[in-house]
Amino acid sequence: MNRPSPPNQLPEDITETVRRALAEDLGSGDITAALIPEHKHAKGHIVSKDTGCICGIPWAHEAFRQLNEAVCLDWHVQEGDPIEPGQKLCNLRGPARALMSAERTALNFLQTLSATTTQAANFAKLIQHTSATLLDTRKTLPGLRTAQKYAVAVGGGKNHRMGLFDAYLIKENHIVSCGGIAPAIAKARAISPSKTVQIEVQNLDEMEAALTAHADVIMLDNFSIEELEQAVAQNQSRAKLEASGGIEDGQLVRIAETGVDYISVGALTKHCRALDLSLLIDC
């Protein structure tokens, strides 16, 4: 599989996200780094101890920049590149205290976002022979919504809605509170005619009700493979269909091959294992 191109636009909140992360770690100051002479400079490198795909370079770069703009980083990889154990990812040089103090924050971003990208790349590769689109969800780490969604895109997935503000997703409790599928969709259309209206259904009868009410996207929650196949046949391209609900890689291919348009996978952002990366000082 060819490496997907990174998103054209970085999240706008990188500076603030990194600022909060550094503040959380540094508190009133790094007392251990203070053991190092103030004017001492050092060189080092970041090395991979794992196999995966790299992501998070802008966040790591920003962590060092915010502590001391004199830190220089020379990256040997780009966002989305495959990496392997023993591979040198970056050379660093600058004030030793800044290298020490920013190390953990920079690595936290790199390890977490690389994990998300690696998971997305693995899942995207599994279904590349189908027409299904891999989507993320809102099941992201608090405070890292835009970062993890960026990482999914770097890995070859696509982003679902960013939050509760940019598209409707009418779920079971909304349906009950609104008095049914048709009233909920009608209310959404009346309030924001230009926004995509998606609704979650539990069975084929509910799907038909959603089709009759002209939903744009219908989320098929925890449907079996057989039910997904029936849903695709029943839909006849009247709406986009999205499979969802605890989907893991073992089920992914069969689900994609049913003909659904989208597959949303919370595991892309909430079940991934951080990649093992280290920063080592050379002198």
C-alpha atoms as a PDB file:
ATOM      1  CA  MET A   1       0.000   0.000   0.000  1.00  0.00           C
ATOM      2  CA  ASN A   2       1.307   3.441  -0.873  1.00  0.00           C
ATOM      3  CA  ARG A   3       1.818   5.749   2.067  1.00  0.00           C
ATOM      4  CA  PRO A   4      -1.099   8.235   2.216  1.00  0.00           C
ATOM      5  CA  SER A   5      -0.291  11.922   2.053  1.00  0.00           C
ATOM      6  CA  PRO A   6      -0.513  13.748   5.386  1.00  0.00           C
ATOM      7  CA  PRO A   7      -3.466  16.120   5.748  1.00  0.00           C
ATOM      8  CA  ASN A   8      -2.917  19.461   4.027  1.00  0.00           C
ATOM      9  CA  GLN A   9      -3.686  21.363   7.195  1.00  0.00           C
ATOM     10  CA  LEU A  10      -2.352  20.870  10.700  1.00  0.00           C
ATOM     11  CA  PRO A  11      -4.719  21.331  13.650  1.00  0.00           C
ATOM     12  CA  GLU A  12      -4.880  24.950  14.777  1.00  0.00           C
ATOM     13  CA  ASP A  13      -4.542  24.069  18.461  1.00  0.00           C
ATOM     14  CA  ILE A  14      -1.057  22.493  18.421  1.00  0.00           C
ATOM     15  CA  THR A  15       0.566  25.406  20.260  1.00  0.00           C
ATOM     16  CA  GLU A  16      -2.040  25.414  23.020  1.00  0.00           C
ATOM     17  CA  THR A  17      -2.169  21.619  23.313  1.00  0.00           C
ATOM     18  CA  VAL A  18       1.602  21.470  23.761  1.00  0.00           C
ATOM     19  CA  ARG A  19       1.544  24.384  26.194  1.00  0.00           C
ATOM     20  CA  ARG A  20      -0.919  22.563  28.430  1.00  0.00           C
ATOM     21  CA  ALA A  21       1.086  19.345  28.262  1.00  0.00           C
ATOM     22  CA  LEU A  22       4.317  21.099  29.208  1.00  0.00           C
ATOM     23  CA  ALA A  23       2.616  22.945  32.068  1.00  0.00           C
ATOM     24  CA  GLU A  24       1.255  19.652  33.378  1.00  0.00           C
ATOM     25  CA  ASP A  25       4.743  18.141  33.401  1.00  0.00           C
ATOM     26  CA  LEU A  26       6.884  21.103  34.461  1.00  0.00           C
ATOM     27  CA  GLY A  27       4.708  22.639  37.151  1.00  0.00           C
ATOM     28  CA  SER A  28       6.891  25.114  39.018  1.00  0.00           C
ATOM     29  CA  GLY A  29      10.019  23.918  37.201  1.00  0.00           C
ATOM     30  CA  ASP A  30      12.120  20.867  36.351  1.00  0.00           C
ATOM     31  CA  ILE A  31      14.187  20.392  39.503  1.00  0.00           C
ATOM     32  CA  THR A  32      16.167  17.475  38.072  1.00  0.00           C
ATOM     33  CA  ALA A  33      17.187  19.349  34.919  1.00  0.00           C
ATOM     34  CA  ALA A  34      18.378  22.153  37.189  1.00  0.00           C
ATOM     35  CA  LEU A  35      21.252  19.854  38.217  1.00  0.00           C
ATOM     36  CA  ILE A  36      22.751  20.426  34.751  1.00  0.00           C
ATOM     37  CA  PRO A  37      24.888  23.586  34.275  1.00  0.00           C
ATOM     38  CA  GLU A  38      22.735  26.342  32.807  1.00  0.00           C
ATOM     39  CA  HIS A  39      24.880  26.989  29.748  1.00  0.00           C
ATOM     40  CA  LYS A  40      25.687  23.373  28.891  1.00  0.00           C
ATOM     41  CA  HIS A  41      24.737  22.254  25.381  1.00  0.00           C
ATOM     42  CA  ALA A  42      24.134  18.676  24.314  1.00  0.00           C
ATOM     43  CA  LYS A  43      23.400  16.512  21.306  1.00  0.00           C
ATOM     44  CA  GLY A  44      21.055  13.571  21.129  1.00  0.00           C
ATOM     45  CA  HIS A  45      18.748  11.546  18.941  1.00  0.00           C
ATOM     46  CA  ILE A  46      15.321   9.943  18.987  1.00  0.00           C
ATOM     47  CA  VAL A  47      15.314   6.252  18.136  1.00  0.00           C
ATOM     48  CA  SER A  48      12.547   3.758  17.495  1.00  0.00           C
ATOM     49  CA  LYS A  49      12.355   0.510  19.437  1.00  0.00           C
ATOM     50  CA  ASP A  50       9.194  -0.532  17.634  1.00  0.00           C
ATOM     51  CA  THR A  51       7.621  -1.198  14.258  1.00  0.00           C
ATOM     52  CA  GLY A  52       4.892   1.115  13.024  1.00  0.00           C
ATOM     53  CA  CYS A  53       4.236   4.451  11.346  1.00  0.00           C
ATOM     54  CA  ILE A  54       5.503   7.754  12.713  1.00  0.00           C
ATOM     55  CA  CYS A  55       3.206  10.661  13.529  1.00  0.00           C
ATOM     56  CA  GLY A  56       3.307  13.675  15.828  1.00  0.00           C
ATOM     57  CA  ILE A  57       6.428  15.433  14.565  1.00  0.00           C
ATOM     58  CA  PRO A  58       4.826  18.925  14.688  1.00  0.00           C
ATOM     59  CA  TRP A  59       3.819  18.403  18.346  1.00  0.00           C
ATOM     60  CA  ALA A  60       7.257  17.125  19.349  1.00  0.00           C
ATOM     61  CA  HIS A  61       8.931  19.974  17.505  1.00  0.00           C
ATOM     62  CA  GLU A  62       6.669  22.478  19.256  1.00  0.00           C
ATOM     63  CA  ALA A  63       7.483  21.032  22.695  1.00  0.00           C
ATOM     64  CA  PHE A  64      11.183  21.755  22.259  1.00  0.00           C
ATOM     65  CA  ARG A  65      10.522  25.127  20.632  1.00  0.00           C
ATOM     66  CA  GLN A  66       8.374  26.327  23.506  1.00  0.00           C
ATOM     67  CA  LEU A  67      11.046  25.488  26.070  1.00  0.00           C
ATOM     68  CA  ASN A  68      13.943  26.955  24.120  1.00  0.00           C
ATOM     69  CA  GLU A  69      13.986  28.142  20.516  1.00  0.00           C
ATOM     70  CA  ALA A  70      17.712  27.396  20.391  1.00  0.00           C
ATOM     71  CA  VAL A  71      16.982  23.666  20.203  1.00  0.00           C
ATOM     72  CA  CYS A  72      17.569  22.381  16.664  1.00  0.00           C
ATOM     73  CA  LEU A  73      15.916  19.229  15.343  1.00  0.00           C
ATOM     74  CA  ASP A  74      16.846  17.379  12.172  1.00  0.00           C
ATOM     75  CA  TRP A  75      14.175  14.824  11.281  1.00  0.00           C
ATOM     76  CA  HIS A  76      15.040  11.841   9.096  1.00  0.00           C
ATOM     77  CA  VAL A  77      11.397  10.769   8.660  1.00  0.00           C
ATOM     78  CA  GLN A  78       8.157  12.379   7.585  1.00  0.00           C
ATOM     79  CA  GLU A  79       4.647  12.021   8.958  1.00  0.00           C
ATOM     80  CA  GLY A  80       3.261   8.591   8.084  1.00  0.00           C
ATOM     81  CA  ASP A  81       6.601   6.993   7.224  1.00  0.00           C
ATOM     82  CA  PRO A  82       7.068   3.363   8.307  1.00  0.00           C
ATOM     83  CA  ILE A  83       9.646   2.899  11.058  1.00  0.00           C
ATOM     84  CA  GLU A  84      11.415  -0.122  12.528  1.00  0.00           C
ATOM     85  CA  PRO A  85      13.415  -0.997  15.664  1.00  0.00           C
ATOM     86  CA  GLY A  86      16.816   0.674  15.832  1.00  0.00           C
ATOM     87  CA  GLN A  87      15.926   3.371  13.317  1.00  0.00           C
ATOM     88  CA  LYS A  88      17.155   6.880  14.128  1.00  0.00           C
ATOM     89  CA  LEU A  89      14.257   9.282  13.652  1.00  0.00           C
ATOM     90  CA  CYS A  90      15.732  12.632  14.597  1.00  0.00           C
ATOM     91  CA  ASN A  91      18.954  14.343  15.684  1.00  0.00           C
ATOM     92  CA  LEU A  92      18.723  17.099  18.304  1.00  0.00           C
ATOM     93  CA  ARG A  93      21.118  19.688  19.649  1.00  0.00           C
ATOM     94  CA  GLY A  94      20.734  22.631  21.973  1.00  0.00           C
ATOM     95  CA  PRO A  95      20.632  23.652  25.640  1.00  0.00           C
ATOM     96  CA  ALA A  96      20.836  20.452  27.677  1.00  0.00           C
ATOM     97  CA  ARG A  97      18.213  21.531  30.196  1.00  0.00           C
ATOM     98  CA  ALA A  98      15.642  22.125  27.457  1.00  0.00           C
ATOM     99  CA  LEU A  99      16.379  18.740  25.883  1.00  0.00           C
ATOM    100  CA  MET A 100      15.809  17.015  29.216  1.00  0.00           C
ATOM    101  CA  SER A 101      12.708  18.960  30.196  1.00  0.00           C
ATOM    102  CA  ALA A 102      10.876  18.625  26.874  1.00  0.00           C
ATOM    103  CA  GLU A 103      11.832  14.969  26.353  1.00  0.00           C
ATOM    104  CA  ARG A 104       8.827  13.272  27.935  1.00  0.00           C
ATOM    105  CA  THR A 105       6.212  15.672  26.545  1.00  0.00           C
ATOM    106  CA  ALA A 106       7.645  15.357  23.031  1.00  0.00           C
ATOM    107  CA  LEU A 107       7.810  11.575  23.244  1.00  0.00           C
ATOM    108  CA  ASN A 108       4.295  11.325  24.692  1.00  0.00           C
ATOM    109  CA  PHE A 109       2.911  13.046  21.605  1.00  0.00           C
ATOM    110  CA  LEU A 110       5.060  11.027  19.218  1.00  0.00           C
ATOM    111  CA  GLN A 111       4.291   7.678  20.835  1.00  0.00           C
ATOM    112  CA  THR A 112       0.537   8.254  21.141  1.00  0.00           C
ATOM    113  CA  LEU A 113      -0.052   9.758  17.704  1.00  0.00           C
ATOM    114  CA  SER A 114       2.216   7.194  16.045  1.00  0.00           C
ATOM    115  CA  ALA A 115       0.113   4.480  17.666  1.00  0.00           C
ATOM    116  CA  THR A 116      -3.058   5.982  16.209  1.00  0.00           C
ATOM    117  CA  THR A 117      -1.518   6.331  12.758  1.00  0.00           C
ATOM    118  CA  THR A 118      -0.151   2.788  12.879  1.00  0.00           C
ATOM    119  CA  GLN A 119      -3.564   1.396  13.829  1.00  0.00           C
ATOM    120  CA  ALA A 120      -5.276   3.394  11.080  1.00  0.00           C
ATOM    121  CA  ALA A 121      -2.724   2.315   8.477  1.00  0.00           C
ATOM    122  CA  ASN A 122      -3.142  -1.348   9.415  1.00  0.00           C
ATOM    123  CA  PHE A 123      -6.942  -1.154   9.215  1.00  0.00           C
ATOM    124  CA  ALA A 124      -6.925   0.876   5.974  1.00  0.00           C
ATOM    125  CA  LYS A 125      -4.660  -1.689   4.325  1.00  0.00           C
ATOM    126  CA  LEU A 126      -7.049  -4.519   5.231  1.00  0.00           C
ATOM    127  CA  ILE A 127      -9.963  -2.953   3.337  1.00  0.00           C
ATOM    128  CA  GLN A 128      -8.171  -1.222   0.477  1.00  0.00           C
ATOM    129  CA  HIS A 129      -9.640  -3.725  -2.001  1.00  0.00           C
ATOM    130  CA  THR A 130     -13.187  -2.591  -1.141  1.00  0.00           C
ATOM    131  CA  SER A 131     -15.075   0.673  -1.620  1.00  0.00           C
ATOM    132  CA  ALA A 132     -15.639   1.145   2.129  1.00  0.00           C
ATOM    133  CA  THR A 133     -14.189   4.198   3.857  1.00  0.00           C
ATOM    134  CA  LEU A 134     -12.553   3.817   7.273  1.00  0.00           C
ATOM    135  CA  LEU A 135     -13.742   6.430   9.787  1.00  0.00           C
ATOM    136  CA  ASP A 136     -12.692   7.422  13.279  1.00  0.00           C
ATOM    137  CA  THR A 137     -15.090   8.346  16.103  1.00  0.00           C
ATOM    138  CA  ARG A 138     -15.285  10.780  19.017  1.00  0.00           C
ATOM    139  CA  LYS A 139     -13.716   8.127  21.295  1.00  0.00           C
ATOM    140  CA  THR A 140     -10.475  10.080  21.583  1.00  0.00           C
ATOM    141  CA  LEU A 141      -8.219  10.913  24.519  1.00  0.00           C
ATOM    142  CA  PRO A 142      -9.486  14.049  26.300  1.00  0.00           C
ATOM    143  CA  GLY A 143      -7.655  17.099  24.986  1.00  0.00           C
ATOM    144  CA  LEU A 144      -6.253  15.237  21.957  1.00  0.00           C
ATOM    145  CA  ARG A 145      -9.318  15.207  19.687  1.00  0.00           C
ATOM    146  CA  THR A 146      -7.803  17.176  16.804  1.00  0.00           C
ATOM    147  CA  ALA A 147      -4.401  15.510  17.185  1.00  0.00           C
ATOM    148  CA  GLN A 148      -5.746  11.964  17.061  1.00  0.00           C
ATOM    149  CA  LYS A 149      -8.080  12.716  14.182  1.00  0.00           C
ATOM    150  CA  TYR A 150      -5.108  14.165  12.308  1.00  0.00           C
ATOM    151  CA  ALA A 151      -3.190  10.965  13.082  1.00  0.00           C
ATOM    152  CA  VAL A 152      -6.020   8.828  11.686  1.00  0.00           C
ATOM    153  CA  ALA A 153      -5.888  10.821   8.448  1.00  0.00           C
ATOM    154  CA  VAL A 154      -2.100  10.415   8.263  1.00  0.00           C
ATOM    155  CA  GLY A 155      -2.635   6.658   8.479  1.00  0.00           C
ATOM    156  CA  GLY A 156      -5.108   6.593   5.620  1.00  0.00           C
ATOM    157  CA  GLY A 157      -8.421   6.834   7.445  1.00  0.00           C
ATOM    158  CA  LYS A 158     -11.010   9.606   7.216  1.00  0.00           C
ATOM    159  CA  ASN A 159     -12.497  11.788   9.911  1.00  0.00           C
ATOM    160  CA  HIS A 160     -16.056  11.461  11.152  1.00  0.00           C
ATOM    161  CA  ARG A 161     -17.583  14.585  12.679  1.00  0.00           C
ATOM    162  CA  MET A 162     -15.167  16.544  14.861  1.00  0.00           C
ATOM    163  CA  GLY A 163     -17.625  17.039  17.696  1.00  0.00           C
ATOM    164  CA  LEU A 164     -21.234  17.633  18.609  1.00  0.00           C
ATOM    165  CA  PHE A 165     -21.402  20.842  16.558  1.00  0.00           C
ATOM    166  CA  ASP A 166     -20.606  20.018  12.945  1.00  0.00           C
ATOM    167  CA  ALA A 167     -23.046  17.236  12.034  1.00  0.00           C
ATOM    168  CA  TYR A 168     -26.082  15.481  13.449  1.00  0.00           C
ATOM    169  CA  LEU A 169     -25.768  11.973  14.836  1.00  0.00           C
ATOM    170  CA  ILE A 170     -29.177  11.036  16.192  1.00  0.00           C
ATOM    171  CA  LYS A 171     -28.792   8.075  18.531  1.00  0.00           C
ATOM    172  CA  GLU A 172     -31.164   5.887  20.529  1.00  0.00           C
ATOM    173  CA  ASN A 173     -31.684   8.327  23.414  1.00  0.00           C
ATOM    174  CA  HIS A 174     -32.263  11.234  21.004  1.00  0.00           C
ATOM    175  CA  ILE A 175     -34.878   9.169  19.154  1.00  0.00           C
ATOM    176  CA  VAL A 176     -36.715   8.335  22.383  1.00  0.00           C
ATOM    177  CA  SER A 177     -36.590  11.954  23.574  1.00  0.00           C
ATOM    178  CA  CYS A 178     -37.833  13.301  20.223  1.00  0.00           C
ATOM    179  CA  GLY A 179     -40.699  10.827  19.947  1.00  0.00           C
ATOM    180  CA  GLY A 180     -39.379   8.669  17.124  1.00  0.00           C
ATOM    181  CA  ILE A 181     -37.112   8.473  14.089  1.00  0.00           C
ATOM    182  CA  ALA A 182     -39.209  10.612  11.738  1.00  0.00           C
ATOM    183  CA  PRO A 183     -39.794  13.468  14.225  1.00  0.00           C
ATOM    184  CA  ALA A 184     -36.091  13.562  15.132  1.00  0.00           C
ATOM    185  CA  ILE A 185     -34.969  13.801  11.494  1.00  0.00           C
ATOM    186  CA  ALA A 186     -37.652  16.375  10.688  1.00  0.00           C
ATOM    187  CA  LYS A 187     -36.561  18.552  13.624  1.00  0.00           C
ATOM    188  CA  ALA A 188     -32.934  18.370  12.526  1.00  0.00           C
ATOM    189  CA  ARG A 189     -33.859  19.401   8.977  1.00  0.00           C
ATOM    190  CA  ALA A 190     -35.916  22.315  10.284  1.00  0.00           C
ATOM    191  CA  ILE A 191     -33.162  23.619  12.565  1.00  0.00           C
ATOM    192  CA  SER A 192     -30.127  23.201  10.259  1.00  0.00           C
ATOM    193  CA  PRO A 193     -31.125  22.282   6.692  1.00  0.00           C
ATOM    194  CA  SER A 194     -27.527  22.387   5.440  1.00  0.00           C
ATOM    195  CA  LYS A 195     -26.052  19.961   7.965  1.00  0.00           C
ATOM    196  CA  THR A 196     -25.670  16.248   7.345  1.00  0.00           C
ATOM    197  CA  VAL A 197     -28.262  14.219   9.216  1.00  0.00           C
ATOM    198  CA  GLN A 198     -27.102  10.817  10.393  1.00  0.00           C
ATOM    199  CA  ILE A 199     -29.158   8.478  12.535  1.00  0.00           C
ATOM    200  CA  GLU A 200     -28.294   5.283  14.367  1.00  0.00           C
ATOM    201  CA  VAL A 201     -30.612   2.286  13.986  1.00  0.00           C
ATOM    202  CA  GLN A 202     -30.758  -1.088  15.716  1.00  0.00           C
ATOM    203  CA  ASN A 203     -32.538  -3.203  13.098  1.00  0.00           C
ATOM    204  CA  LEU A 204     -33.809  -3.294   9.511  1.00  0.00           C
ATOM    205  CA  ASP A 205     -37.253  -1.920  10.388  1.00  0.00           C
ATOM    206  CA  GLU A 206     -35.683   1.142  11.971  1.00  0.00           C
ATOM    207  CA  MET A 207     -33.453   1.510   8.914  1.00  0.00           C
ATOM    208  CA  GLU A 208     -36.502   1.577   6.656  1.00  0.00           C
ATOM    209  CA  ALA A 209     -38.068   4.246   8.852  1.00  0.00           C
ATOM    210  CA  ALA A 210     -34.884   6.306   8.571  1.00  0.00           C
ATOM    211  CA  LEU A 211     -34.876   5.892   4.780  1.00  0.00           C
ATOM    212  CA  THR A 212     -38.491   6.988   4.573  1.00  0.00           C
ATOM    213  CA  ALA A 213     -37.596  10.096   6.622  1.00  0.00           C
ATOM    214  CA  HIS A 214     -34.713  10.837   4.201  1.00  0.00           C
ATOM    215  CA  ALA A 215     -31.706  10.513   6.484  1.00  0.00           C
ATOM    216  CA  ASP A 216     -28.404  11.241   4.743  1.00  0.00           C
ATOM    217  CA  VAL A 217     -26.399   8.576   6.564  1.00  0.00           C
ATOM    218  CA  ILE A 218     -27.680   5.593   8.513  1.00  0.00           C
ATOM    219  CA  MET A 219     -25.468   4.041  11.175  1.00  0.00           C
ATOM    220  CA  LEU A 220     -26.060   0.304  11.486  1.00  0.00           C
ATOM    221  CA  ASP A 221     -25.251  -0.380  15.113  1.00  0.00           C
ATOM    222  CA  ASN A 222     -23.910  -3.858  15.918  1.00  0.00           C
ATOM    223  CA  PHE A 223     -25.478  -5.469  12.844  1.00  0.00           C
ATOM    224  CA  SER A 224     -24.348  -8.990  12.012  1.00  0.00           C
ATOM    225  CA  ILE A 225     -22.694  -9.689   8.643  1.00  0.00           C
ATOM    226  CA  GLU A 226     -25.966 -11.135   7.363  1.00  0.00           C
ATOM    227  CA  GLU A 227     -27.912  -8.093   8.566  1.00  0.00           C
ATOM    228  CA  LEU A 228     -25.402  -5.759   6.904  1.00  0.00           C
ATOM    229  CA  GLU A 229     -25.823  -7.598   3.619  1.00  0.00           C
ATOM    230  CA  GLN A 230     -29.604  -7.324   3.934  1.00  0.00           C
ATOM    231  CA  ALA A 231     -29.302  -3.623   4.772  1.00  0.00           C
ATOM    232  CA  VAL A 232     -27.217  -2.931   1.653  1.00  0.00           C
ATOM    233  CA  ALA A 233     -29.743  -4.768  -0.516  1.00  0.00           C
ATOM    234  CA  GLN A 234     -32.682  -2.982   1.120  1.00  0.00           C
ATOM    235  CA  ASN A 235     -31.070   0.442   0.891  1.00  0.00           C
ATOM    236  CA  GLN A 236     -30.720   0.525  -2.913  1.00  0.00           C
ATOM    237  CA  SER A 237     -28.406   3.569  -2.630  1.00  0.00           C
ATOM    238  CA  ARG A 238     -31.068   5.752  -1.018  1.00  0.00           C
ATOM    239  CA  ALA A 239     -28.673   6.749   1.797  1.00  0.00           C
ATOM    240  CA  LYS A 240     -25.077   6.165   2.829  1.00  0.00           C
ATOM    241  CA  LEU A 241     -24.674   3.230   5.200  1.00  0.00           C
ATOM    242  CA  GLU A 242     -22.184   3.091   8.060  1.00  0.00           C
ATOM    243  CA  ALA A 243     -21.314  -0.034  10.048  1.00  0.00           C
ATOM    244  CA  SER A 244     -20.434   0.615  13.672  1.00  0.00           C
ATOM    245  CA  GLY A 245     -20.180  -1.025  17.069  1.00  0.00           C
ATOM    246  CA  GLY A 246     -17.107  -2.622  18.632  1.00  0.00           C
ATOM    247  CA  ILE A 247     -15.438  -3.391  15.319  1.00  0.00           C
ATOM    248  CA  GLU A 248     -11.983  -4.984  15.503  1.00  0.00           C
ATOM    249  CA  ASP A 249      -9.577  -5.977  12.744  1.00  0.00           C
ATOM    250  CA  GLY A 250     -10.772  -9.594  12.693  1.00  0.00           C
ATOM    251  CA  GLN A 251     -14.237  -8.528  11.491  1.00  0.00           C
ATOM    252  CA  LEU A 252     -13.197  -5.596   9.350  1.00  0.00           C
ATOM    253  CA  VAL A 253     -12.711  -7.254   5.966  1.00  0.00           C
ATOM    254  CA  ARG A 254     -16.005  -9.152   6.040  1.00  0.00           C
ATOM    255  CA  ILE A 255     -17.846  -5.985   7.029  1.00  0.00           C
ATOM    256  CA  ALA A 256     -16.217  -3.956   4.258  1.00  0.00           C
ATOM    257  CA  GLU A 257     -17.083  -6.632   1.707  1.00  0.00           C
ATOM    258  CA  THR A 258     -20.818  -6.358   2.492  1.00  0.00           C
ATOM    259  CA  GLY A 259     -20.902  -3.118   0.500  1.00  0.00           C
ATOM    260  CA  VAL A 260     -21.404  -0.578   3.290  1.00  0.00           C
ATOM    261  CA  ASP A 261     -20.094   2.912   2.539  1.00  0.00           C
ATOM    262  CA  TYR A 262     -18.391   3.597   5.850  1.00  0.00           C
ATOM    263  CA  ILE A 263     -16.980   1.677   8.795  1.00  0.00           C
ATOM    264  CA  SER A 264     -16.453   3.663  11.989  1.00  0.00           C
ATOM    265  CA  VAL A 265     -13.919   2.185  14.398  1.00  0.00           C
ATOM    266  CA  GLY A 266     -13.433   3.544  17.912  1.00  0.00           C
ATOM    267  CA  ALA A 267     -10.404   1.281  18.350  1.00  0.00           C
ATOM    268  CA  LEU A 268      -8.394   3.563  16.048  1.00  0.00           C
ATOM    269  CA  THR A 269      -8.078   6.081  18.859  1.00  0.00           C
ATOM    270  CA  LYS A 270      -8.933   4.285  22.084  1.00  0.00           C
ATOM    271  CA  HIS A 271      -7.378   0.810  21.852  1.00  0.00           C
ATOM    272  CA  CYS A 272      -4.035   1.590  20.270  1.00  0.00           C
ATOM    273  CA  ARG A 273      -0.740   0.744  21.992  1.00  0.00           C
ATOM    274  CA  ALA A 274       1.828   3.536  22.189  1.00  0.00           C
ATOM    275  CA  LEU A 275       4.931   2.963  20.084  1.00  0.00           C
ATOM    276  CA  ASP A 276       8.187   2.534  21.996  1.00  0.00           C
ATOM    277  CA  LEU A 277      10.481   5.492  21.219  1.00  0.00           C
ATOM    278  CA  SER A 278      13.444   6.887  23.176  1.00  0.00           C
ATOM    279  CA  LEU A 279      15.495  10.061  23.288  1.00  0.00           C
ATOM    280  CA  LEU A 280      19.179   9.389  23.982  1.00  0.00           C
ATOM    281  CA  ILE A 281      21.798  12.021  24.773  1.00  0.00           C
ATOM    282  CA  ASP A 282      25.030  11.514  22.847  1.00  0.00           C
ATOM    283  CA  CYS A 283      27.175  14.061  24.675  1.00  0.00           C
END
